[in-house]
Structures are given as structure tokens and as C-alpha cells.
Amino acid sequence: MVKEIVSIQLGQCGNQVGLKFWETISKEHGIKNDGTAEGASPEQLESVGMYFERNSACKYIPRCILIDLDPSSKDSILSQPIGQLFNPDNFVMGKNSVGNNWARGHNTEGAQLLPDILTVVKKEAEKCSSLHGFQVIHGIGGGTGSGLGALLIQKLRDDYSDKTITTFTVFPSSKMSDTVVECYNATLTIGVLMEKVNETFCFDNEAMYGIGQRVYGLQKPSFEEVNHWIALAMSGITSGLRFSSSSQDNVQKTLGPLLHFYIPGFAPLAGNELNVEELIKRVCKSSNMMVACDPVKGKYLGADVIFRGELEMKEITDKMASTPGVPKNAKASLCKTPPAGLMAAATLVANSTAIQEMFKRISGEFSELFNRKAFLQWYLEKGMDETDFTKAHKKLEGLIQEYQKHHNTLDQ
């Protein structure tokens, strides 16, 4: 029996990344923008029920809830070709943008919208025969993805305590945005991701900025381009759930409960065809990783390389063992169905102590603002206290220390 996943996308970032994800996987499953799947092969539709519901009109509808406190988001989604694929009853929109304020997403406007969201979540969950869990797609720099995202994740954990919660989380960077309070919003959310989520796949805008420059020669990549790269990695990460695959293991089994922040990587980013050895070299290079950190300076706690295409597992295993730069504890899995438009691809999912570089960057930016009490009034006016900030920062510092402790242990 296929277990189902309900996808929830929040805020402008979450919805735009989510649209790219559904656009990408719909092509892989042979599903058109109107939900029909004429001409799709049995292999394409074998496990499609994990992410899509087949309705009475024989159309495939994403198991997806689209949320934003900014009501204009709905029109933006529906204006895109992929927009007609979604269940119109699964849009939950607020009345006003929350202006990049975590407190408004968590305490005021977001809290007011939460009952409507939970009603739709319950309806979607009850349609599932065997609900596996939820995936949340959001950015944590803005107010909705961070504040409302944190509130919703806490409630999902309370109401569905035995279900898996996975997040695809976009982390902010000043290179992609000039909103100075993003470090506040991110720090206030990270503690919830630590305590309430099973696994978080991290997409760092700092790294995406670098990919745009190094791989594509762009002075500054657009968010549409960044979202496309994120969707490629998400497609690879979820491919083993959506298609049959052979796997030695997976990264989740090798890690502790708190250290579930994963670094994705993808190859080929530029669309050129690569052989197995080249795929391995590229996907394990820091230039193809989607978190701004240097893996050479860290220690791998676990890693999985997901290959896709008509490749052979024996060749993959041999090349993984002989190619420099591959984590010693890396596992390999193979999904024979390639991404749309490619013959073969590889996706890295790594847990490395090097990820603390990203968390240290956010922590440093937080401290710089908080020490000056800069912009705090925006949050205090919406029901927060300064201790909420100090507690959140302490949790972030604790996460950094936890990764460093494991780094030191592996050094011995």
C-alpha cells in the first residue's frame, strides 16, 4: 500500500518553491497542468498516490495545501499554468501581508488564520488511506514562512504526533535580500525545527547566490532560477518515495535526533550530461551544495547519494569507493526513472558538521542586531518579549555546539 504525504507550502517563498516542485514532479509522472495523465507509463503512475489524489474525473490533484497571509498570493499562483492543477478548496489566505514580522505570523494574523488552516489539513489527512506524514515548504526569512510556519509545525506535532514531519526550508542571506530582520525570523524558527521536525533539508540563499555566479555566470540569480535549482534537489530527494528504487540505506538511520539538518547537492546543475564518475565528483563538491559551507572543514555524520537514470548499481558502488571527495560513510541509492529532460542525475543528502557555518552566520547577524535592540519594537508590539529572543538564540547556539561536539568526537 502506498503511504500518502500531505504537502504544505507557506508564504511567498514557500509557494513559489512549491510551484516549481509540483511543476517538476508532474512532468516526471506524466501529469499535465489540467491533471490528466494521458500517455503516462505504468511506472510513472505506480506510486503517484503518495503525492497525488486521483479524483472522480480521473484527474490527478496534488495533496497540497497552499497558505499565505498575503491574499494577493492566490492570484499570483492561479495566473501560472501549474496553478490550475491544485484543489481550489486548499487555498488558505489571510487578509494582509505581515511585513517580514515573525510575531505577526506567529501571534496575531497567523494565529487568527490557524483554525482555517487546520480544518483544511484535517480534511486532506482524512482523505488519505495511510498517511505517512507532512512535508512543509517554506522560507524562514519572511514573516509567514517563519512565524506561521513555526506555529503550524508545533500544532502538526501536537495533533499528528506519530506522523513524520519533513521540511524543505530556505534560509536567508543578505546577498539575496536586503531585509535586515531575516536573522531574527530565522533564529526564532530554528528552535522549532530542532524540536518538532524529523528532518530538515536546508537550502541556503547564500549558497544559491554562489551557484548562480560559479555555475551560471550570473551576477545575481533571480528567485525563479533559485527556486528551479531547489526543485531539482527536492525531486531527487523524493524520487525514492515516488518511484521504485534500490537503496543500501538512508541518511536518516545514521543520525541522532537533534542533528537532522541536511545539506542537499545536485548534479548536473547546468543541464549537461555526465557519466557516473563525473556525477559523483560534481555532487560531492562544495560548489554544487546548497548550503554555504566548506565540507572539508567539517566531518560527515552521514550521507546519501541518490542516483537517477538507467545506471548500474555495481558501477555506482565501485565509483563511489574509488572517487576522491566522497564521504567515507556515504550510502548510494538508485532510481531508474531520470528527472525530466535529463538522462541521469545525482542528488546528495549530507549531514555534516560543516553546516554550523551557516548557523554561525545567522547567529552572528542576530547578535549584531539584538545587541543594539534594533527593530525589536516591531516584535514587542505584537506580544513578544525580549526573553523570547534570548531563548531562541540560546537554542541556536546549542545546536552549533552540538555539531561541534560531534566534530570533536570524530577528530579523536
Protein backbone atom coordinates (compact mmCIF):
# COMPACT_ATOMS: atom_id res chain seq x y z
CA MET A 1 0.00 0.00 0.00
CA VAL A 2 1.24 3.46 -0.94
CA LYS A 3 1.52 5.80 2.05
CA GLU A 4 0.50 9.38 1.43
CA ILE A 5 2.30 12.65 2.13
CA VAL A 6 0.42 15.92 2.51
CA SER A 7 2.46 18.88 1.32
CA ILE A 8 2.01 22.31 2.92
CA GLN A 9 3.57 25.41 1.39
CA LEU A 10 3.61 28.71 3.24
CA GLY A 11 4.37 32.30 2.35
CA GLN A 12 5.69 33.82 -0.85
CA CYS A 13 8.91 31.81 -0.80
CA GLY A 14 7.24 28.52 0.14
CA ASN A 15 4.58 28.86 -2.51
CA GLN A 16 6.97 29.82 -5.29
CA VAL A 17 9.36 26.97 -4.43
CA GLY A 18 6.37 24.66 -4.07
CA LEU A 19 5.06 25.54 -7.52
CA LYS A 20 8.43 24.67 -9.04
CA PHE A 21 8.43 21.38 -7.13
CA TRP A 22 4.98 20.39 -8.39
CA GLU A 23 5.84 21.51 -11.90
CA THR A 24 8.97 19.34 -11.81
CA ILE A 25 7.44 16.16 -10.40
CA SER A 26 4.27 16.46 -12.51
CA LYS A 27 6.44 16.20 -15.62
CA GLU A 28 8.20 13.16 -14.16
CA HIS A 29 4.85 11.44 -13.56
CA GLY A 30 3.40 12.41 -16.94
CA ILE A 31 0.72 14.63 -15.38
CA LYS A 32 -0.37 17.68 -17.36
CA ASN A 33 -1.35 21.04 -15.88
CA ASP A 34 -5.04 20.09 -16.10
CA GLY A 35 -4.45 16.94 -14.03
CA THR A 36 -4.78 14.45 -16.87
CA ALA A 37 -2.15 11.77 -17.39
CA GLU A 38 -2.81 10.54 -20.90
CA GLY A 39 0.19 8.68 -22.24
CA ALA A 40 1.85 8.25 -18.85
CA SER A 41 3.52 4.86 -18.37
CA PRO A 42 2.55 2.43 -15.60
CA GLU A 43 5.93 3.09 -13.96
CA GLN A 44 5.18 6.82 -13.84
CA LEU A 45 1.86 6.25 -12.07
CA GLU A 46 2.74 3.23 -9.90
CA SER A 47 3.35 5.22 -6.70
CA VAL A 48 1.83 8.53 -7.76
CA GLY A 49 -0.73 8.26 -4.95
CA MET A 50 1.89 9.27 -2.41
CA TYR A 51 1.73 12.88 -3.64
CA PHE A 52 -1.38 12.99 -5.85
CA GLU A 53 -5.04 12.13 -5.34
CA ARG A 54 -6.96 10.68 -8.30
CA ASN A 55 -10.42 12.22 -8.30
CA SER A 56 -13.73 11.02 -9.76
CA ALA A 57 -12.94 12.72 -13.07
CA CYS A 58 -9.73 10.63 -13.31
CA LYS A 59 -7.58 13.71 -12.78
CA TYR A 60 -4.56 13.80 -10.51
CA ILE A 61 -4.68 16.54 -7.86
CA PRO A 62 -1.69 17.36 -5.63
CA ARG A 63 -2.10 16.53 -1.95
CA CYS A 64 -1.14 20.10 -1.25
CA ILE A 65 -2.31 22.99 0.94
CA LEU A 66 -1.30 26.49 -0.16
CA ILE A 67 -1.12 29.12 2.58
CA ASP A 68 -0.22 32.80 2.66
CA LEU A 69 -1.18 35.72 4.87
CA ASP A 70 -0.87 37.96 1.81
CA PRO A 71 -4.12 37.43 -0.17
CA SER A 72 -2.54 38.52 -3.47
CA SER A 73 -0.53 35.30 -3.46
CA LYS A 74 -3.53 33.27 -4.64
CA ASP A 75 -3.95 35.30 -7.84
CA SER A 76 -0.21 35.02 -8.49
CA ILE A 77 -0.40 31.22 -8.19
CA LEU A 78 -3.52 30.86 -10.30
CA SER A 79 -2.03 33.03 -13.05
CA GLN A 80 0.65 30.43 -13.69
CA PRO A 81 -0.03 27.36 -15.88
CA ILE A 82 0.60 24.96 -12.98
CA GLY A 83 -1.92 26.88 -10.84
CA GLN A 84 -4.97 25.10 -12.25
CA LEU A 85 -3.61 21.75 -11.01
CA PHE A 86 -4.43 22.47 -7.36
CA ASN A 87 -7.64 21.90 -5.44
CA PRO A 88 -9.23 25.37 -5.13
CA ASP A 89 -10.55 24.44 -1.68
CA ASN A 90 -6.96 24.01 -0.45
CA PHE A 91 -6.01 27.68 -0.69
CA VAL A 92 -5.99 29.32 2.74
CA MET A 93 -5.28 33.04 2.50
CA GLY A 94 -5.14 35.82 5.08
CA LYS A 95 -6.15 39.45 4.68
CA ASN A 96 -2.82 41.27 4.94
CA SER A 97 0.89 40.73 4.42
CA VAL A 98 2.73 40.51 7.75
CA GLY A 99 5.70 42.59 6.60
CA ASN A 100 8.54 40.17 7.42
CA ASN A 101 7.49 40.09 11.09
CA TRP A 102 7.71 36.68 12.83
CA ALA A 103 5.46 37.89 15.66
CA ARG A 104 2.63 38.77 13.27
CA GLY A 105 2.91 35.36 11.61
CA HIS A 106 3.03 33.52 14.94
CA ASN A 107 1.00 35.59 17.40
CA THR A 108 -1.57 37.74 15.60
CA GLU A 109 -2.61 37.41 11.95
CA GLY A 110 -1.13 33.92 11.67
CA ALA A 111 -2.79 32.69 14.87
CA GLN A 112 -6.14 34.02 13.62
CA LEU A 113 -5.81 32.05 10.37
CA LEU A 114 -4.62 28.83 12.06
CA PRO A 115 -8.11 27.30 12.70
CA ASP A 116 -8.96 27.61 8.99
CA ILE A 117 -5.63 26.00 8.08
CA LEU A 118 -6.13 23.09 10.49
CA THR A 119 -9.61 22.46 9.07
CA VAL A 120 -8.15 22.04 5.58
CA VAL A 121 -5.25 19.93 6.94
CA LYS A 122 -7.73 17.61 8.67
CA LYS A 123 -9.84 17.21 5.53
CA GLU A 124 -6.76 16.43 3.43
CA ALA A 125 -5.39 13.99 6.02
CA GLU A 126 -8.73 12.18 6.30
CA LYS A 127 -8.74 11.55 2.54
CA CYS A 128 -5.55 9.52 2.94
CA SER A 129 -5.77 5.75 3.41
CA SER A 130 -2.41 5.53 5.18
CA LEU A 131 -0.99 8.96 5.98
CA HIS A 132 2.80 8.86 6.26
CA GLY A 133 3.19 12.48 7.26
CA PHE A 134 3.64 16.05 6.14
CA GLN A 135 6.21 17.99 4.17
CA VAL A 136 6.40 21.72 4.79
CA ILE A 137 7.91 24.01 2.17
CA HIS A 138 8.79 27.46 3.49
CA GLY A 139 11.37 30.19 3.80
CA ILE A 140 12.29 31.41 7.28
CA GLY A 141 13.39 34.93 6.39
CA GLY A 142 9.90 36.38 5.95
CA GLY A 143 7.07 36.58 8.47
CA THR A 144 4.66 33.93 7.17
CA GLY A 145 7.06 31.07 6.43
CA SER A 146 8.86 31.64 9.73
CA GLY A 147 6.22 32.74 12.25
CA LEU A 148 3.14 30.99 10.92
CA GLY A 149 5.36 28.11 9.79
CA ALA A 150 6.65 27.61 13.34
CA LEU A 151 3.13 27.83 14.79
CA LEU A 152 1.73 25.33 12.28
CA ILE A 153 4.59 22.85 12.75
CA GLN A 154 4.05 22.93 16.52
CA LYS A 155 0.35 22.21 16.02
CA LEU A 156 1.00 19.44 13.50
CA ARG A 157 3.31 17.77 16.01
CA ASP A 158 0.65 18.02 18.70
CA ASP A 159 -2.20 16.72 16.52
CA TYR A 160 -0.27 14.11 14.50
CA SER A 161 2.37 13.00 16.98
CA ASP A 162 3.00 9.66 15.26
CA LYS A 163 3.45 11.11 11.76
CA THR A 164 6.64 12.25 10.07
CA ILE A 165 7.20 15.99 9.58
CA THR A 166 9.78 16.93 6.98
CA THR A 167 10.64 20.48 6.00
CA PHE A 168 12.24 21.93 2.91
CA THR A 169 13.50 25.14 4.43
CA VAL A 170 15.02 28.15 2.67
CA PHE A 171 17.49 30.01 4.91
CA PRO A 172 18.03 33.75 4.35
CA SER A 173 21.11 35.57 3.11
CA SER A 174 21.84 39.28 2.81
CA LYS A 175 23.24 38.53 -0.65
CA MET A 176 19.73 37.73 -1.90
CA SER A 177 17.69 40.13 0.26
CA ASP A 178 18.10 43.48 1.98
CA THR A 179 15.54 42.72 4.73
CA VAL A 180 17.68 43.12 7.85
CA VAL A 181 15.35 41.32 10.29
CA GLU A 182 15.58 38.00 8.45
CA CYS A 183 18.14 36.79 11.00
CA TYR A 184 15.58 37.42 13.78
CA ASN A 185 12.90 35.45 11.93
CA ALA A 186 15.26 32.57 11.15
CA THR A 187 16.60 32.32 14.70
CA LEU A 188 13.09 32.32 16.19
CA THR A 189 12.15 29.42 13.88
CA ILE A 190 15.23 27.18 14.11
CA GLY A 191 14.38 26.01 17.64
CA VAL A 192 11.02 24.70 16.42
CA LEU A 193 12.74 22.89 13.55
CA MET A 194 15.12 21.32 16.06
CA GLU A 195 12.44 20.10 18.45
CA LYS A 196 9.34 19.35 16.35
CA VAL A 197 10.62 18.14 12.97
CA ASN A 198 12.02 14.77 11.90
CA GLU A 199 14.24 16.11 9.13
CA THR A 200 15.00 19.49 7.59
CA PHE A 201 16.52 19.83 4.13
CA CYS A 202 18.33 23.17 4.14
CA PHE A 203 18.51 25.50 1.14
CA ASP A 204 20.74 28.43 1.95
CA ASN A 205 20.28 31.52 -0.23
CA GLU A 206 23.94 32.34 0.39
CA ALA A 207 24.89 29.13 -1.42
CA MET A 208 22.31 29.67 -4.14
CA TYR A 209 23.84 33.07 -4.82
CA GLY A 210 27.23 31.36 -5.21
CA ILE A 211 25.82 28.68 -7.53
CA GLY A 212 24.40 31.41 -9.74
CA GLN A 213 27.81 33.06 -10.00
CA ARG A 214 30.05 29.98 -10.29
CA VAL A 215 27.92 27.63 -12.37
CA TYR A 216 25.88 30.03 -14.47
CA GLY A 217 27.99 33.21 -14.50
CA LEU A 218 25.12 35.29 -13.13
CA GLN A 219 25.86 38.48 -11.21
CA LYS A 220 22.82 37.75 -9.04
CA PRO A 221 20.42 34.88 -9.75
CA SER A 222 16.70 35.57 -9.79
CA PHE A 223 14.45 33.87 -7.26
CA GLU A 224 12.82 31.98 -10.12
CA GLU A 225 16.18 30.49 -11.06
CA VAL A 226 16.98 29.67 -7.42
CA ASN A 227 13.59 28.02 -6.96
CA HIS A 228 14.22 25.86 -10.03
CA TRP A 229 17.51 24.59 -8.57
CA ILE A 230 15.82 23.86 -5.25
CA ALA A 231 13.05 21.95 -7.05
CA LEU A 232 15.65 19.78 -8.83
CA ALA A 233 17.11 18.75 -5.48
CA MET A 234 13.66 18.20 -3.96
CA SER A 235 12.74 16.00 -6.90
CA GLY A 236 15.85 13.88 -6.29
CA ILE A 237 15.25 13.68 -2.53
CA THR A 238 11.67 12.47 -3.02
CA SER A 239 12.35 10.22 -6.03
CA GLY A 240 12.77 7.09 -3.90
CA LEU A 241 9.29 7.67 -2.46
CA ARG A 242 7.66 8.35 -5.83
CA PHE A 243 9.32 5.61 -7.89
CA SER A 244 10.73 2.17 -7.18
CA SER A 245 14.40 2.31 -6.19
CA SER A 246 17.21 0.20 -4.85
CA SER A 247 18.85 1.53 -1.72
CA GLN A 248 21.65 0.44 0.57
CA ASP A 249 20.46 2.67 3.39
CA ASN A 250 19.31 6.20 4.00
CA VAL A 251 20.82 9.11 5.83
CA GLN A 252 18.08 9.34 8.47
CA LYS A 253 19.02 5.99 10.00
CA THR A 254 22.57 7.08 10.71
CA LEU A 255 21.90 10.28 12.65
CA GLY A 256 20.90 11.47 16.10
CA PRO A 257 17.52 13.11 16.80
CA LEU A 258 18.67 16.75 17.04
CA LEU A 259 21.14 16.77 14.17
CA HIS A 260 18.64 16.40 11.36
CA PHE A 261 19.61 19.43 9.27
CA TYR A 262 20.73 18.11 5.90
CA ILE A 263 22.84 19.65 3.14
CA PRO A 264 21.47 18.91 -0.36
CA GLY A 265 23.52 18.91 -3.52
CA PHE A 266 22.62 18.27 -7.15
CA ALA A 267 24.34 17.43 -10.41
CA PRO A 268 24.23 18.31 -13.22
CA LEU A 269 23.16 21.85 -12.35
CA ALA A 270 23.96 23.25 -15.76
CA GLY A 271 21.99 20.60 -17.64
CA ASN A 272 24.93 18.87 -19.35
CA GLU A 273 25.01 15.07 -19.40
CA LEU A 274 27.55 13.41 -17.11
CA ASN A 275 28.74 9.85 -16.57
CA VAL A 276 28.63 8.18 -13.15
CA GLU A 277 32.10 9.27 -12.07
CA GLU A 278 31.50 12.88 -13.13
CA LEU A 279 28.15 12.92 -11.34
CA ILE A 280 29.84 11.77 -8.14
CA LYS A 281 32.62 14.34 -8.41
CA ARG A 282 30.19 17.19 -9.06
CA VAL A 283 27.56 16.35 -6.48
CA CYS A 284 30.15 15.96 -3.71
CA LYS A 285 31.83 19.31 -4.46
CA SER A 286 31.02 22.27 -2.25
CA SER A 287 30.24 24.32 -5.39
CA ASN A 288 27.18 22.10 -6.03
CA MET A 289 26.00 22.03 -2.42
CA MET A 290 23.04 24.17 -1.43
CA VAL A 291 24.35 25.30 1.95
CA ALA A 292 27.20 27.80 2.14
CA CYS A 293 29.83 25.79 3.98
CA ASP A 294 33.11 24.00 3.30
CA PRO A 295 32.69 20.25 3.82
CA VAL A 296 36.48 19.87 4.01
CA LYS A 297 36.37 21.77 7.31
CA GLY A 298 33.62 19.53 8.68
CA LYS A 299 33.01 15.88 9.43
CA TYR A 300 30.33 13.83 7.74
CA LEU A 301 27.90 12.22 10.19
CA GLY A 302 26.04 10.55 7.35
CA ALA A 303 25.44 10.95 3.63
CA ASP A 304 23.28 9.50 0.89
CA VAL A 305 23.80 9.93 -2.84
CA ILE A 306 20.63 9.31 -4.83
CA PHE A 307 21.28 8.41 -8.46
CA ARG A 308 18.64 8.58 -11.17
CA GLY A 309 18.58 7.19 -14.68
CA GLU A 310 19.43 3.97 -16.49
CA LEU A 311 22.59 3.35 -14.47
CA GLU A 312 24.02 0.21 -12.91
CA MET A 313 24.31 -0.16 -9.14
CA LYS A 314 27.60 -2.05 -9.39
CA GLU A 315 29.25 0.78 -11.32
CA ILE A 316 27.86 3.29 -8.82
CA THR A 317 29.22 1.30 -5.87
CA ASP A 318 32.64 0.89 -7.48
CA LYS A 319 32.93 4.57 -8.42
CA MET A 320 31.74 5.71 -5.01
CA ALA A 321 34.55 3.69 -3.44
CA SER A 322 37.25 4.96 -5.78
CA THR A 323 36.36 8.61 -6.44
CA PRO A 324 38.16 11.21 -4.28
CA GLY A 325 35.99 13.54 -2.18
CA VAL A 326 33.19 11.06 -1.48
CA PRO A 327 32.26 10.84 2.22
CA LYS A 328 33.57 7.55 3.64
CA ASN A 329 30.22 6.71 5.20
CA ALA A 330 28.13 7.64 2.13
CA LYS A 331 25.39 5.30 1.01
CA ALA A 332 24.05 5.04 -2.53
CA SER A 333 20.56 4.51 -3.88
CA LEU A 334 19.32 4.22 -7.45
CA CYS A 335 16.02 5.25 -9.00
CA LYS A 336 15.84 4.16 -12.63
CA THR A 337 13.44 6.97 -13.56
CA PRO A 338 15.51 10.02 -14.59
CA PRO A 339 14.49 13.64 -13.99
CA ALA A 340 12.52 15.25 -16.80
CA GLY A 341 14.90 16.46 -19.50
CA LEU A 342 17.96 14.56 -18.23
CA MET A 343 19.40 11.12 -18.89
CA ALA A 344 20.97 10.86 -15.45
CA ALA A 345 21.40 12.91 -12.28
CA ALA A 346 22.62 12.64 -8.69
CA THR A 347 21.34 14.25 -5.50
CA LEU A 348 23.39 14.47 -2.33
CA VAL A 349 21.80 14.44 1.12
CA ALA A 350 24.53 15.01 3.69
CA ASN A 351 24.70 15.65 7.40
CA SER A 352 27.99 17.39 8.03
CA THR A 353 29.27 19.34 10.99
CA ALA A 354 30.27 21.97 8.41
CA ILE A 355 26.63 23.15 8.38
CA GLN A 356 27.40 25.03 11.57
CA GLU A 357 28.98 27.67 9.31
CA MET A 358 25.50 28.65 8.14
CA PHE A 359 24.10 28.65 11.66
CA LYS A 360 27.08 30.72 12.91
CA ARG A 361 26.44 33.28 10.16
CA ILE A 362 22.79 33.64 11.19
CA SER A 363 23.73 33.73 14.88
CA GLY A 364 26.31 36.46 14.28
CA GLU A 365 23.83 38.58 12.34
CA PHE A 366 21.26 38.06 15.09
CA SER A 367 23.71 39.17 17.79
CA GLU A 368 24.71 42.26 15.84
CA LEU A 369 21.08 43.42 15.66
CA PHE A 370 19.93 42.24 19.08
CA ASN A 371 22.83 43.83 20.94
CA ARG A 372 21.61 47.18 19.59
CA LYS A 373 17.95 46.26 20.27
CA ALA A 374 17.43 47.12 16.61
CA PHE A 375 13.86 46.73 15.31
CA LEU A 376 12.80 44.86 18.47
CA GLN A 377 9.81 47.16 18.92
CA TRP A 378 8.16 45.71 15.81
CA TYR A 379 8.05 42.34 17.59
CA LEU A 380 7.32 43.54 21.13
CA GLU A 381 4.24 45.37 19.87
CA LYS A 382 2.86 42.02 18.70
CA GLY A 383 3.04 40.17 22.01
CA MET A 384 6.67 39.10 22.20
CA ASP A 385 9.19 39.62 24.98
CA GLU A 386 12.95 40.07 24.82
CA THR A 387 13.33 36.70 26.56
CA ASP A 388 11.73 35.04 23.52
CA PHE A 389 14.73 36.24 21.53
CA THR A 390 17.35 35.23 24.09
CA LYS A 391 15.81 31.75 24.45
CA ALA A 392 15.70 31.25 20.68
CA HIS A 393 19.31 32.39 20.31
CA LYS A 394 20.38 30.07 23.11
CA LYS A 395 18.81 27.13 21.24
CA LEU A 396 20.65 28.12 18.06
CA GLU A 397 23.94 28.35 19.93
CA GLY A 398 23.20 24.96 21.48
CA LEU A 399 22.71 23.44 18.03
CA ILE A 400 26.05 24.85 16.89
CA GLN A 401 27.73 23.40 19.99
CA GLU A 402 26.10 20.02 19.37
CA TYR A 403 27.52 19.85 15.85
CA GLN A 404 30.93 20.95 17.16
CA LYS A 405 30.83 18.26 19.85
CA HIS A 406 30.27 15.59 17.21
CA HIS A 407 33.04 17.13 15.10
CA ASN A 408 35.46 16.91 18.03
CA THR A 409 34.44 13.31 18.78
CA LEU A 410 35.18 12.25 15.20
CA ASP A 411 38.54 14.03 15.40
CA GLN A 412 39.66 11.81 18.28
